[in-house]
């Protein structure tokens, strides 16, 4: 029964979602986006194979010295990724906490195909940079090609590592709160609050960068509290289709189109974006506004846990 349900409805929780990507060296800081554009679950008996197709972008900053030359990379790397992951469905319920868990656990190492979409721009500095760069090109080891190879290796390796422990969803039946995340929790324990629910998940956004979160149900409205601790950002709540227009253009590296936000504000402190009842799933889209600080903008955002729970239908059982 579980395998059949997963085959028919399993992708509903992840397809179309924009998931936050964290900096490998600073795992508490969000620096990128994974957009899950395609999802299929193929069933053979009780065995399930999960197939994901995604686009995204991640901030990449590297510096490497070679023969007196310094090669630097500092940009948002756009990428495409495909994942094939054979696995099995597992469930648990803890009556004392009223938490139900649904996990998809790999039975073999996930297969990940990862490739940058655009060239990775390499800045060359130092007296020997031009000579080293020219020689590298002649032997097929230009800084650009090495940067792209490194991005492929790191992207493929990081996604394989993160998916190795599977993914799942936890449900608080007393409130209706649902959290989807990677890995496996203990029985009866919810996944930890993440970006959009916790204030402990800062987001960094460099000049001309873009961050997209969601989409989220907002049948009774939505309040997104945004706190900017460095720089200035332009934040907007908009319907899913409008956010996807921006994301598509950003992945393609073309000029962003005009869209119709439900609400938009420029923020250099703390404020709340509010909308009333919405028939469409809603995304939060944030862009940095260049200012005198010169560095990345840094902000946090959250929606109350009670509002999260109500947005998905509220309590599923009566609890004392």
C-alpha atoms as a PDB file:
ATOM      1  CA  UNK A   1       0.000   0.000   0.000  1.00  0.00           C
ATOM      2  CA  UNK A   2       2.781   2.424   0.949  1.00  0.00           C
ATOM      3  CA  UNK A   3       4.677   1.712  -2.266  1.00  0.00           C
ATOM      4  CA  UNK A   4       1.553   2.352  -4.331  1.00  0.00           C
ATOM      5  CA  UNK A   5       0.854   5.600  -2.463  1.00  0.00           C
ATOM      6  CA  UNK A   6       4.450   6.714  -2.965  1.00  0.00           C
ATOM      7  CA  UNK A   7       4.262   5.959  -6.676  1.00  0.00           C
ATOM      8  CA  UNK A   8       1.053   7.956  -7.080  1.00  0.00           C
ATOM      9  CA  UNK A   9       1.574  10.873  -4.665  1.00  0.00           C
ATOM     10  CA  UNK A  10       5.145  10.763  -3.431  1.00  0.00           C
ATOM     11  CA  UNK A  11       6.419  13.534  -5.680  1.00  0.00           C
ATOM     12  CA  UNK A  12       3.744  16.026  -4.636  1.00  0.00           C
ATOM     13  CA  UNK A  13       5.785  17.194  -1.625  1.00  0.00           C
ATOM     14  CA  UNK A  14       8.969  17.980  -3.565  1.00  0.00           C
ATOM     15  CA  UNK A  15       8.207  18.709  -7.226  1.00  0.00           C
ATOM     16  CA  UNK A  16       8.403  22.416  -7.992  1.00  0.00           C
ATOM     17  CA  UNK A  17      10.010  23.233  -4.632  1.00  0.00           C
ATOM     18  CA  UNK A  18      12.896  25.662  -4.173  1.00  0.00           C
ATOM     19  CA  UNK A  19      15.167  24.198  -1.486  1.00  0.00           C
ATOM     20  CA  UNK A  20      17.883  26.184   0.283  1.00  0.00           C
ATOM     21  CA  UNK A  21      21.512  25.156  -0.323  1.00  0.00           C
ATOM     22  CA  UNK A  22      24.047  25.791   2.432  1.00  0.00           C
ATOM     23  CA  UNK A  23      27.698  26.740   2.198  1.00  0.00           C
ATOM     24  CA  UNK A  24      29.849  23.627   2.609  1.00  0.00           C
ATOM     25  CA  UNK A  25      32.397  25.483   4.762  1.00  0.00           C
ATOM     26  CA  UNK A  26      29.670  27.280   6.782  1.00  0.00           C
ATOM     27  CA  UNK A  27      26.762  24.825   7.012  1.00  0.00           C
ATOM     28  CA  UNK A  28      24.591  27.278   8.941  1.00  0.00           C
ATOM     29  CA  UNK A  29      24.645  29.828   6.063  1.00  0.00           C
ATOM     30  CA  UNK A  30      22.405  29.595   2.972  1.00  0.00           C
ATOM     31  CA  UNK A  31      24.167  30.581  -0.274  1.00  0.00           C
ATOM     32  CA  UNK A  32      22.204  28.846  -3.015  1.00  0.00           C
ATOM     33  CA  UNK A  33      18.995  27.314  -4.342  1.00  0.00           C
ATOM     34  CA  UNK A  34      18.018  23.851  -5.583  1.00  0.00           C
ATOM     35  CA  UNK A  35      14.917  23.958  -7.794  1.00  0.00           C
ATOM     36  CA  UNK A  36      13.356  20.493  -8.160  1.00  0.00           C
ATOM     37  CA  UNK A  37      11.706  20.749 -11.565  1.00  0.00           C
ATOM     38  CA  UNK A  38      10.969  17.092 -12.206  1.00  0.00           C
ATOM     39  CA  UNK A  39      10.164  14.063 -10.038  1.00  0.00           C
ATOM     40  CA  UNK A  40       9.143  10.469 -10.742  1.00  0.00           C
ATOM     41  CA  UNK A  41       8.717   7.444  -8.501  1.00  0.00           C
ATOM     42  CA  UNK A  42       8.895   4.105 -10.289  1.00  0.00           C
ATOM     43  CA  UNK A  43       7.599   1.054  -8.404  1.00  0.00           C
ATOM     44  CA  UNK A  44       8.500  -2.599  -8.799  1.00  0.00           C
ATOM     45  CA  UNK A  45       6.733  -4.542  -6.087  1.00  0.00           C
ATOM     46  CA  UNK A  46       7.610  -2.723  -2.873  1.00  0.00           C
ATOM     47  CA  UNK A  47      10.870  -1.317  -4.280  1.00  0.00           C
ATOM     48  CA  UNK A  48      10.851   2.318  -5.392  1.00  0.00           C
ATOM     49  CA  UNK A  49      13.263   4.225  -7.635  1.00  0.00           C
ATOM     50  CA  UNK A  50      13.181   7.990  -7.144  1.00  0.00           C
ATOM     51  CA  UNK A  51      14.222  10.141 -10.116  1.00  0.00           C
ATOM     52  CA  UNK A  52      14.778  13.874  -9.670  1.00  0.00           C
ATOM     53  CA  UNK A  53      15.666  16.552 -12.230  1.00  0.00           C
ATOM     54  CA  UNK A  54      16.776  19.918 -10.890  1.00  0.00           C
ATOM     55  CA  UNK A  55      18.315  23.251 -11.715  1.00  0.00           C
ATOM     56  CA  UNK A  56      19.899  25.620  -9.257  1.00  0.00           C
ATOM     57  CA  UNK A  57      22.672  27.969  -8.352  1.00  0.00           C
ATOM     58  CA  UNK A  58      25.303  28.084  -5.630  1.00  0.00           C
ATOM     59  CA  UNK A  59      27.813  30.752  -4.666  1.00  0.00           C
ATOM     60  CA  UNK A  60      31.338  29.575  -5.493  1.00  0.00           C
ATOM     61  CA  UNK A  61      34.400  31.434  -4.217  1.00  0.00           C
ATOM     62  CA  UNK A  62      37.828  29.920  -4.748  1.00  0.00           C
ATOM     63  CA  UNK A  63      41.424  31.158  -5.043  1.00  0.00           C
ATOM     64  CA  UNK A  64      44.342  29.042  -6.226  1.00  0.00           C
ATOM     65  CA  UNK A  65      48.002  29.991  -6.587  1.00  0.00           C
ATOM     66  CA  UNK A  66      50.081  28.511  -9.394  1.00  0.00           C
ATOM     67  CA  UNK A  67      53.542  29.596 -10.566  1.00  0.00           C
ATOM     68  CA  UNK A  68      53.141  33.110  -9.233  1.00  0.00           C
ATOM     69  CA  UNK A  69      49.624  33.597 -10.600  1.00  0.00           C
ATOM     70  CA  UNK A  70      46.411  33.723  -8.585  1.00  0.00           C
ATOM     71  CA  UNK A  71      43.230  32.404 -10.202  1.00  0.00           C
ATOM     72  CA  UNK A  72      40.045  33.499  -8.441  1.00  0.00           C
ATOM     73  CA  UNK A  73      36.438  32.429  -8.872  1.00  0.00           C
ATOM     74  CA  UNK A  74      33.609  34.419  -7.293  1.00  0.00           C
ATOM     75  CA  UNK A  75      30.173  33.929  -8.828  1.00  0.00           C
ATOM     76  CA  UNK A  76      26.854  32.118  -8.605  1.00  0.00           C
ATOM     77  CA  UNK A  77      27.388  28.860 -10.502  1.00  0.00           C
ATOM     78  CA  UNK A  78      24.229  27.778 -12.335  1.00  0.00           C
ATOM     79  CA  UNK A  79      23.886  24.026 -12.687  1.00  0.00           C
ATOM     80  CA  UNK A  80      21.715  21.143 -13.810  1.00  0.00           C
ATOM     81  CA  UNK A  81      21.454  17.909 -11.848  1.00  0.00           C
ATOM     82  CA  UNK A  82      19.766  14.548 -12.246  1.00  0.00           C
ATOM     83  CA  UNK A  83      19.436  11.966  -9.486  1.00  0.00           C
ATOM     84  CA  UNK A  84      18.470   8.296  -9.653  1.00  0.00           C
ATOM     85  CA  UNK A  85      18.023   6.715  -6.230  1.00  0.00           C
ATOM     86  CA  UNK A  86      16.705   3.148  -5.646  1.00  0.00           C
ATOM     87  CA  UNK A  87      15.194   2.762  -2.213  1.00  0.00           C
ATOM     88  CA  UNK A  88      12.364   1.694   0.038  1.00  0.00           C
ATOM     89  CA  UNK A  89       9.577   3.376   1.991  1.00  0.00           C
ATOM     90  CA  UNK A  90       9.519   3.133   5.778  1.00  0.00           C
ATOM     91  CA  UNK A  91       7.057   4.595   8.301  1.00  0.00           C
ATOM     92  CA  UNK A  92       6.823   5.034  12.046  1.00  0.00           C
ATOM     93  CA  UNK A  93       4.424   6.510  14.575  1.00  0.00           C
ATOM     94  CA  UNK A  94       5.017   7.466  18.206  1.00  0.00           C
ATOM     95  CA  UNK A  95       1.754   7.713  20.196  1.00  0.00           C
ATOM     96  CA  UNK A  96       3.370   9.671  23.041  1.00  0.00           C
ATOM     97  CA  UNK A  97       4.469  12.551  20.793  1.00  0.00           C
ATOM     98  CA  UNK A  98       1.801  12.044  18.082  1.00  0.00           C
ATOM     99  CA  UNK A  99       4.529  12.347  15.435  1.00  0.00           C
ATOM    100  CA  UNK A 100       4.316  10.251  12.278  1.00  0.00           C
ATOM    101  CA  UNK A 101       7.395   9.768  10.083  1.00  0.00           C
ATOM    102  CA  UNK A 102       7.697   8.731   6.443  1.00  0.00           C
ATOM    103  CA  UNK A 103      11.173   8.011   5.089  1.00  0.00           C
ATOM    104  CA  UNK A 104      12.616   7.102   1.719  1.00  0.00           C
ATOM    105  CA  UNK A 105      15.881   5.258   2.376  1.00  0.00           C
ATOM    106  CA  UNK A 106      18.357   4.392  -0.418  1.00  0.00           C
ATOM    107  CA  UNK A 107      19.199   0.721  -0.963  1.00  0.00           C
ATOM    108  CA  UNK A 108      22.179   1.683  -3.151  1.00  0.00           C
ATOM    109  CA  UNK A 109      24.375   4.757  -3.528  1.00  0.00           C
ATOM    110  CA  UNK A 110      22.435   7.443  -5.438  1.00  0.00           C
ATOM    111  CA  UNK A 111      23.589   8.122  -9.002  1.00  0.00           C
ATOM    112  CA  UNK A 112      24.110  11.866  -9.512  1.00  0.00           C
ATOM    113  CA  UNK A 113      24.780  13.689 -12.782  1.00  0.00           C
ATOM    114  CA  UNK A 114      25.866  17.274 -12.198  1.00  0.00           C
ATOM    115  CA  UNK A 115      27.071  19.914 -14.669  1.00  0.00           C
ATOM    116  CA  UNK A 116      27.473  23.722 -14.680  1.00  0.00           C
ATOM    117  CA  UNK A 117      25.173  25.402 -17.210  1.00  0.00           C
ATOM    118  CA  UNK A 118      27.374  28.403 -18.002  1.00  0.00           C
ATOM    119  CA  UNK A 119      31.100  29.046 -18.154  1.00  0.00           C
ATOM    120  CA  UNK A 120      32.781  29.748 -14.841  1.00  0.00           C
ATOM    121  CA  UNK A 121      34.511  33.108 -14.990  1.00  0.00           C
ATOM    122  CA  UNK A 122      38.076  33.069 -13.675  1.00  0.00           C
ATOM    123  CA  UNK A 123      39.906  36.249 -12.683  1.00  0.00           C
ATOM    124  CA  UNK A 124      43.660  36.102 -13.294  1.00  0.00           C
ATOM    125  CA  UNK A 125      46.011  38.195 -11.177  1.00  0.00           C
ATOM    126  CA  UNK A 126      49.791  38.380 -10.748  1.00  0.00           C
ATOM    127  CA  UNK A 127      52.821  38.953 -12.959  1.00  0.00           C
ATOM    128  CA  UNK A 128      52.744  35.451 -14.464  1.00  0.00           C
ATOM    129  CA  UNK A 129      48.977  35.080 -14.818  1.00  0.00           C
ATOM    130  CA  UNK A 130      48.823  35.717 -18.555  1.00  0.00           C
ATOM    131  CA  UNK A 131      51.688  33.319 -19.324  1.00  0.00           C
ATOM    132  CA  UNK A 132      50.429  30.522 -17.070  1.00  0.00           C
ATOM    133  CA  UNK A 133      46.924  30.905 -18.428  1.00  0.00           C
ATOM    134  CA  UNK A 134      48.136  30.682 -22.032  1.00  0.00           C
ATOM    135  CA  UNK A 135      50.273  27.603 -21.361  1.00  0.00           C
ATOM    136  CA  UNK A 136      47.403  25.970 -19.503  1.00  0.00           C
ATOM    137  CA  UNK A 137      45.113  26.492 -22.480  1.00  0.00           C
ATOM    138  CA  UNK A 138      47.621  24.821 -24.824  1.00  0.00           C
ATOM    139  CA  UNK A 139      47.727  21.656 -22.719  1.00  0.00           C
ATOM    140  CA  UNK A 140      43.998  21.610 -22.014  1.00  0.00           C
ATOM    141  CA  UNK A 141      44.312  22.801 -18.417  1.00  0.00           C
ATOM    142  CA  UNK A 142      43.059  26.378 -18.608  1.00  0.00           C
ATOM    143  CA  UNK A 143      41.867  27.965 -15.341  1.00  0.00           C
ATOM    144  CA  UNK A 144      38.309  27.968 -16.697  1.00  0.00           C
ATOM    145  CA  UNK A 145      38.317  24.251 -17.489  1.00  0.00           C
ATOM    146  CA  UNK A 146      39.875  23.409 -14.121  1.00  0.00           C
ATOM    147  CA  UNK A 147      37.245  25.500 -12.348  1.00  0.00           C
ATOM    148  CA  UNK A 148      34.455  23.730 -14.254  1.00  0.00           C
ATOM    149  CA  UNK A 149      35.914  20.297 -13.499  1.00  0.00           C
ATOM    150  CA  UNK A 150      36.180  21.201  -9.838  1.00  0.00           C
ATOM    151  CA  UNK A 151      32.580  22.421  -9.780  1.00  0.00           C
ATOM    152  CA  UNK A 152      31.410  19.158 -11.346  1.00  0.00           C
ATOM    153  CA  UNK A 153      33.328  17.036  -8.835  1.00  0.00           C
ATOM    154  CA  UNK A 154      32.236  19.059  -5.836  1.00  0.00           C
ATOM    155  CA  UNK A 155      28.614  19.297  -6.942  1.00  0.00           C
ATOM    156  CA  UNK A 156      28.307  15.598  -7.715  1.00  0.00           C
ATOM    157  CA  UNK A 157      30.120  14.582  -4.537  1.00  0.00           C
ATOM    158  CA  UNK A 158      28.148  16.917  -2.278  1.00  0.00           C
ATOM    159  CA  UNK A 159      24.756  15.846  -3.659  1.00  0.00           C
ATOM    160  CA  UNK A 160      25.686  12.157  -3.385  1.00  0.00           C
ATOM    161  CA  UNK A 161      26.764  12.646   0.227  1.00  0.00           C
ATOM    162  CA  UNK A 162      23.640  14.573   1.207  1.00  0.00           C
ATOM    163  CA  UNK A 163      21.289  12.032  -0.407  1.00  0.00           C
ATOM    164  CA  UNK A 164      23.108   8.987   0.984  1.00  0.00           C
ATOM    165  CA  UNK A 165      20.862   8.931   4.066  1.00  0.00           C
ATOM    166  CA  UNK A 166      17.681   9.483   2.076  1.00  0.00           C
ATOM    167  CA  UNK A 167      14.920  11.975   2.751  1.00  0.00           C
ATOM    168  CA  UNK A 168      11.580  12.052   4.453  1.00  0.00           C
ATOM    169  CA  UNK A 169       8.706  13.917   6.036  1.00  0.00           C
ATOM    170  CA  UNK A 170       7.573  14.234   9.653  1.00  0.00           C
ATOM    171  CA  UNK A 171       4.013  15.084  10.691  1.00  0.00           C
ATOM    172  CA  UNK A 172       2.840  16.513  14.003  1.00  0.00           C
ATOM    173  CA  UNK A 173      -0.717  15.177  14.037  1.00  0.00           C
ATOM    174  CA  UNK A 174      -1.737  17.479  16.899  1.00  0.00           C
ATOM    175  CA  UNK A 175      -0.981  20.670  14.958  1.00  0.00           C
ATOM    176  CA  UNK A 176      -0.765  19.580  11.312  1.00  0.00           C
ATOM    177  CA  UNK A 177       2.827  20.806  11.026  1.00  0.00           C
ATOM    178  CA  UNK A 178       4.793  19.054   8.256  1.00  0.00           C
ATOM    179  CA  UNK A 179       8.560  19.226   7.726  1.00  0.00           C
ATOM    180  CA  UNK A 180      10.401  17.698   4.756  1.00  0.00           C
ATOM    181  CA  UNK A 181      14.169  17.263   4.936  1.00  0.00           C
ATOM    182  CA  UNK A 182      17.168  15.072   4.147  1.00  0.00           C
ATOM    183  CA  UNK A 183      18.281  12.210   6.361  1.00  0.00           C
ATOM    184  CA  UNK A 184      16.372  10.223   8.927  1.00  0.00           C
ATOM    185  CA  UNK A 185      15.099  11.358  12.318  1.00  0.00           C
ATOM    186  CA  UNK A 186      14.555   9.269  15.419  1.00  0.00           C
ATOM    187  CA  UNK A 187      11.101   7.742  15.793  1.00  0.00           C
ATOM    188  CA  UNK A 188       8.647  10.262  17.223  1.00  0.00           C
ATOM    189  CA  UNK A 189      10.883  13.271  16.546  1.00  0.00           C
ATOM    190  CA  UNK A 190      10.184  16.060  14.060  1.00  0.00           C
ATOM    191  CA  UNK A 191      12.849  17.286  11.673  1.00  0.00           C
ATOM    192  CA  UNK A 192      14.492  20.459  12.999  1.00  0.00           C
ATOM    193  CA  UNK A 193      13.036  23.811  11.941  1.00  0.00           C
ATOM    194  CA  UNK A 194      14.889  25.120   8.911  1.00  0.00           C
ATOM    195  CA  UNK A 195      14.952  28.161   6.652  1.00  0.00           C
ATOM    196  CA  UNK A 196      11.655  30.012   6.827  1.00  0.00           C
ATOM    197  CA  UNK A 197      10.773  28.749  10.296  1.00  0.00           C
ATOM    198  CA  UNK A 198      13.954  29.253  12.306  1.00  0.00           C
ATOM    199  CA  UNK A 199      15.810  32.517  12.931  1.00  0.00           C
ATOM    200  CA  UNK A 200      19.060  30.522  13.061  1.00  0.00           C
ATOM    201  CA  UNK A 201      19.381  30.146   9.281  1.00  0.00           C
ATOM    202  CA  UNK A 202      21.045  33.270   7.799  1.00  0.00           C
ATOM    203  CA  UNK A 203      21.014  33.808   4.033  1.00  0.00           C
ATOM    204  CA  UNK A 204      23.807  35.540   2.101  1.00  0.00           C
ATOM    205  CA  UNK A 205      23.045  37.293  -1.158  1.00  0.00           C
ATOM    206  CA  UNK A 206      25.734  38.890  -3.329  1.00  0.00           C
ATOM    207  CA  UNK A 207      25.227  41.753  -5.783  1.00  0.00           C
ATOM    208  CA  UNK A 208      22.710  40.850  -8.524  1.00  0.00           C
ATOM    209  CA  UNK A 209      22.014  37.561  -6.725  1.00  0.00           C
ATOM    210  CA  UNK A 210      18.601  35.940  -6.336  1.00  0.00           C
ATOM    211  CA  UNK A 211      17.045  33.724  -3.666  1.00  0.00           C
ATOM    212  CA  UNK A 212      13.711  31.918  -4.044  1.00  0.00           C
ATOM    213  CA  UNK A 213      11.875  30.015  -1.308  1.00  0.00           C
ATOM    214  CA  UNK A 214       8.702  27.956  -1.492  1.00  0.00           C
ATOM    215  CA  UNK A 215       6.126  27.792  -2.900  1.00  0.00           C
ATOM    216  CA  UNK A 216       3.950  27.595   0.201  1.00  0.00           C
ATOM    217  CA  UNK A 217       0.204  27.207   0.685  1.00  0.00           C
ATOM    218  CA  UNK A 218      -1.403  30.393   1.987  1.00  0.00           C
ATOM    219  CA  UNK A 219      -5.175  29.745   2.026  1.00  0.00           C
ATOM    220  CA  UNK A 220      -5.602  32.060   5.021  1.00  0.00           C
ATOM    221  CA  UNK A 221      -2.812  34.480   4.087  1.00  0.00           C
ATOM    222  CA  UNK A 222       0.878  34.641   4.831  1.00  0.00           C
ATOM    223  CA  UNK A 223       3.216  36.696   7.016  1.00  0.00           C
ATOM    224  CA  UNK A 224       6.918  36.556   6.157  1.00  0.00           C
ATOM    225  CA  UNK A 225       9.067  38.276   8.772  1.00  0.00           C
ATOM    226  CA  UNK A 226      12.351  39.512   7.236  1.00  0.00           C
ATOM    227  CA  UNK A 227      15.326  40.764   9.251  1.00  0.00           C
ATOM    228  CA  UNK A 228      18.291  42.243   7.346  1.00  0.00           C
ATOM    229  CA  UNK A 229      21.488  42.407   9.396  1.00  0.00           C
ATOM    230  CA  UNK A 230      23.758  43.613   6.586  1.00  0.00           C
ATOM    231  CA  UNK A 231      23.038  45.522   3.383  1.00  0.00           C
ATOM    232  CA  UNK A 232      19.664  46.124   1.730  1.00  0.00           C
ATOM    233  CA  UNK A 233      17.366  43.643   0.001  1.00  0.00           C
ATOM    234  CA  UNK A 234      14.204  43.795  -2.083  1.00  0.00           C
ATOM    235  CA  UNK A 235      11.811  41.094  -0.880  1.00  0.00           C
ATOM    236  CA  UNK A 236       8.534  40.090  -2.497  1.00  0.00           C
ATOM    237  CA  UNK A 237       5.767  37.538  -2.047  1.00  0.00           C
ATOM    238  CA  UNK A 238       4.413  36.332  -5.376  1.00  0.00           C
ATOM    239  CA  UNK A 239       2.481  33.479  -6.929  1.00  0.00           C
ATOM    240  CA  UNK A 240       4.431  30.392  -7.909  1.00  0.00           C
ATOM    241  CA  UNK A 241       4.204  31.040 -11.657  1.00  0.00           C
ATOM    242  CA  UNK A 242       5.736  34.517 -11.299  1.00  0.00           C
ATOM    243  CA  UNK A 243       8.615  33.219  -9.154  1.00  0.00           C
ATOM    244  CA  UNK A 244       9.330  30.490 -11.702  1.00  0.00           C
ATOM    245  CA  UNK A 245       9.653  33.105 -14.458  1.00  0.00           C
ATOM    246  CA  UNK A 246      12.414  34.809 -12.473  1.00  0.00           C
ATOM    247  CA  UNK A 247      14.138  31.530 -11.615  1.00  0.00           C
ATOM    248  CA  UNK A 248      14.117  30.357 -15.236  1.00  0.00           C
ATOM    249  CA  UNK A 249      15.705  33.603 -16.431  1.00  0.00           C
ATOM    250  CA  UNK A 250      18.297  33.514 -13.646  1.00  0.00           C
ATOM    251  CA  UNK A 251      19.321  29.931 -14.461  1.00  0.00           C
ATOM    252  CA  UNK A 252      19.596  30.878 -18.153  1.00  0.00           C
ATOM    253  CA  UNK A 253      21.693  33.939 -17.307  1.00  0.00           C
ATOM    254  CA  UNK A 254      19.410  36.386 -19.113  1.00  0.00           C
ATOM    255  CA  UNK A 255      17.747  39.616 -18.014  1.00  0.00           C
ATOM    256  CA  UNK A 256      15.035  39.053 -15.431  1.00  0.00           C
ATOM    257  CA  UNK A 257      11.491  39.652 -16.730  1.00  0.00           C
ATOM    258  CA  UNK A 258       8.872  41.943 -15.238  1.00  0.00           C
ATOM    259  CA  UNK A 259       6.619  40.081 -12.806  1.00  0.00           C
ATOM    260  CA  UNK A 260       3.580  40.877 -10.688  1.00  0.00           C
ATOM    261  CA  UNK A 261       4.310  40.515  -6.957  1.00  0.00           C
ATOM    262  CA  UNK A 262       1.547  40.336  -4.374  1.00  0.00           C
ATOM    263  CA  UNK A 263       3.613  42.590  -2.092  1.00  0.00           C
ATOM    264  CA  UNK A 264       7.158  43.970  -2.350  1.00  0.00           C
ATOM    265  CA  UNK A 265       9.381  45.981   0.018  1.00  0.00           C
ATOM    266  CA  UNK A 266      12.956  47.284   0.164  1.00  0.00           C
ATOM    267  CA  UNK A 267      14.357  46.327   3.565  1.00  0.00           C
ATOM    268  CA  UNK A 268      17.444  47.416   5.484  1.00  0.00           C
ATOM    269  CA  UNK A 269      16.160  46.513   8.938  1.00  0.00           C
ATOM    270  CA  UNK A 270      13.219  44.360  10.046  1.00  0.00           C
ATOM    271  CA  UNK A 271       9.710  44.240   8.610  1.00  0.00           C
ATOM    272  CA  UNK A 272       6.862  41.869   7.737  1.00  0.00           C
ATOM    273  CA  UNK A 273       5.514  41.079   4.281  1.00  0.00           C
ATOM    274  CA  UNK A 274       1.784  40.359   4.578  1.00  0.00           C
ATOM    275  CA  UNK A 275      -0.778  39.076   2.104  1.00  0.00           C
ATOM    276  CA  UNK A 276      -4.389  38.012   2.561  1.00  0.00           C
ATOM    277  CA  UNK A 277      -5.964  34.760   1.425  1.00  0.00           C
ATOM    278  CA  UNK A 278      -4.261  33.386  -1.684  1.00  0.00           C
ATOM    279  CA  UNK A 279      -5.514  30.810  -4.138  1.00  0.00           C
ATOM    280  CA  UNK A 280      -2.033  30.303  -5.560  1.00  0.00           C
ATOM    281  CA  UNK A 281       0.959  28.778  -3.751  1.00  0.00           C
ATOM    282  CA  UNK A 282       3.219  31.670  -2.706  1.00  0.00           C
ATOM    283  CA  UNK A 283       6.996  32.086  -2.974  1.00  0.00           C
ATOM    284  CA  UNK A 284       9.301  34.511  -1.222  1.00  0.00           C
ATOM    285  CA  UNK A 285      11.767  36.059  -3.701  1.00  0.00           C
ATOM    286  CA  UNK A 286      14.689  38.183  -2.489  1.00  0.00           C
ATOM    287  CA  UNK A 287      17.281  40.238  -4.415  1.00  0.00           C
ATOM    288  CA  UNK A 288      20.149  42.322  -3.059  1.00  0.00           C
ATOM    289  CA  UNK A 289      20.304  46.073  -3.634  1.00  0.00           C
ATOM    290  CA  UNK A 290      23.891  47.339  -4.013  1.00  0.00           C
ATOM    291  CA  UNK A 291      24.921  49.831  -1.332  1.00  0.00           C
ATOM    292  CA  UNK A 292      28.016  51.272   0.298  1.00  0.00           C
ATOM    293  CA  UNK A 293      28.984  48.181   2.313  1.00  0.00           C
ATOM    294  CA  UNK A 294      30.423  46.447  -0.738  1.00  0.00           C
ATOM    295  CA  UNK A 295      29.938  42.918   0.647  1.00  0.00           C
ATOM    296  CA  UNK A 296      27.017  40.485   0.470  1.00  0.00           C
ATOM    297  CA  UNK A 297      23.636  41.250   1.953  1.00  0.00           C
ATOM    298  CA  UNK A 298      22.753  39.021   4.894  1.00  0.00           C
ATOM    299  CA  UNK A 299      19.226  38.369   6.101  1.00  0.00           C
ATOM    300  CA  UNK A 300      16.957  35.924   7.894  1.00  0.00           C
ATOM    301  CA  UNK A 301      13.280  35.230   7.418  1.00  0.00           C
ATOM    302  CA  UNK A 302      10.647  33.190   9.179  1.00  0.00           C
ATOM    303  CA  UNK A 303       6.956  32.377   9.296  1.00  0.00           C
ATOM    304  CA  UNK A 304       5.415  31.406  12.613  1.00  0.00           C
ATOM    305  CA  UNK A 305       5.175  27.687  13.333  1.00  0.00           C
ATOM    306  CA  UNK A 306       1.449  28.065  14.046  1.00  0.00           C
ATOM    307  CA  UNK A 307       0.894  29.662  10.635  1.00  0.00           C
ATOM    308  CA  UNK A 308       2.896  26.894   8.938  1.00  0.00           C
ATOM    309  CA  UNK A 309       0.680  24.282  10.563  1.00  0.00           C
ATOM    310  CA  UNK A 310      -2.580  26.050   9.734  1.00  0.00           C
ATOM    311  CA  UNK A 311      -1.542  26.499   6.095  1.00  0.00           C
ATOM    312  CA  UNK A 312      -1.531  22.725   5.565  1.00  0.00           C
ATOM    313  CA  UNK A 313      -4.918  22.145   7.156  1.00  0.00           C
ATOM    314  CA  UNK A 314      -4.330  22.268  10.906  1.00  0.00           C
ATOM    315  CA  UNK A 315      -4.675  19.400  13.430  1.00  0.00           C
ATOM    316  CA  UNK A 316      -5.334  15.898  12.147  1.00  0.00           C
ATOM    317  CA  UNK A 317      -6.295  14.444  15.540  1.00  0.00           C
ATOM    318  CA  UNK A 318      -7.533  15.756  18.878  1.00  0.00           C
ATOM    319  CA  UNK A 319      -4.781  15.962  21.460  1.00  0.00           C
ATOM    320  CA  UNK A 320      -5.046  16.844  25.133  1.00  0.00           C
END
